[in-house]
Amino acid sequence: MTVLRMLLAVFFVLAGLGGIVSAVRRGNLFDLVGAVLLFTIAAALWPRRDRSRI
C-alpha cells in the first residue's frame, strides 16, 4: 500500500509542478491555487515514518 501511495504522491507533485509552470506562464491565479492544492494532496499521501520504532 505504501508503494501505491508514494507513486500517487509523486504523480501529484509532478502535476503540481506542471501546474505552477503553466500558471506562471499564463499569469492565472486560479491555476496557481490548483497547483498548491495538488501539492497539498501529495503531502497528505506521502507515507510518514513510524515514530514508535525510535
Protein backbone atom coordinates (compact mmCIF):
# COMPACT_ATOMS: atom_id res chain seq x y z
CA MET A 1 0.00 0.00 0.00
CA THR A 2 2.84 2.41 0.73
CA VAL A 3 4.30 1.95 -2.76
CA LEU A 4 0.98 2.92 -4.31
CA ARG A 5 0.71 5.94 -2.02
CA MET A 6 4.24 7.02 -2.91
CA LEU A 7 3.53 6.69 -6.63
CA LEU A 8 0.35 8.72 -6.26
CA ALA A 9 2.22 11.35 -4.24
CA VAL A 10 4.94 11.60 -6.92
CA PHE A 11 2.26 11.94 -9.58
CA PHE A 12 0.60 14.80 -7.68
CA VAL A 13 3.96 16.52 -7.11
CA LEU A 14 4.75 16.38 -10.83
CA ALA A 15 1.25 17.58 -11.69
CA GLY A 16 1.68 20.42 -9.21
CA LEU A 17 4.99 21.43 -10.76
CA GLY A 18 3.41 21.43 -14.19
CA GLY A 19 0.51 23.47 -12.86
CA ILE A 20 2.86 26.05 -11.35
CA VAL A 21 4.78 26.41 -14.60
CA SER A 22 1.53 26.78 -16.52
CA ALA A 23 0.12 29.28 -14.03
CA VAL A 24 3.25 31.43 -14.10
CA ARG A 25 3.33 31.43 -17.90
CA ARG A 26 -0.32 32.42 -18.19
CA GLY A 27 -0.42 34.61 -15.11
CA ASN A 28 -3.52 32.80 -13.89
CA LEU A 29 -4.12 32.84 -10.14
CA PHE A 30 -6.70 30.03 -10.25
CA ASP A 31 -4.19 27.67 -11.85
CA LEU A 32 -1.69 28.55 -9.13
CA VAL A 33 -4.23 27.75 -6.41
CA GLY A 34 -4.94 24.42 -8.11
CA ALA A 35 -1.23 23.58 -8.21
CA VAL A 36 -0.91 24.33 -4.49
CA LEU A 37 -3.86 22.02 -3.84
CA LEU A 38 -2.09 19.26 -5.79
CA PHE A 39 0.96 19.70 -3.55
CA THR A 40 -1.29 19.50 -0.50
CA ILE A 41 -2.75 16.22 -1.72
CA ALA A 42 0.76 14.89 -2.34
CA ALA A 43 1.84 15.85 1.19
CA ALA A 44 -1.19 14.09 2.64
CA LEU A 45 -0.48 10.92 0.65
CA TRP A 46 3.24 10.74 1.43
CA PRO A 47 3.83 7.95 3.97
CA ARG A 48 5.22 9.09 7.27
CA ARG A 49 7.82 7.37 9.41
CA ASP A 50 6.54 5.22 12.22
CA ARG A 51 7.78 7.01 15.34
CA SER A 52 7.06 4.04 17.60
CA ARG A 53 10.23 2.32 16.35
CA ILE A 54 12.58 5.09 17.51
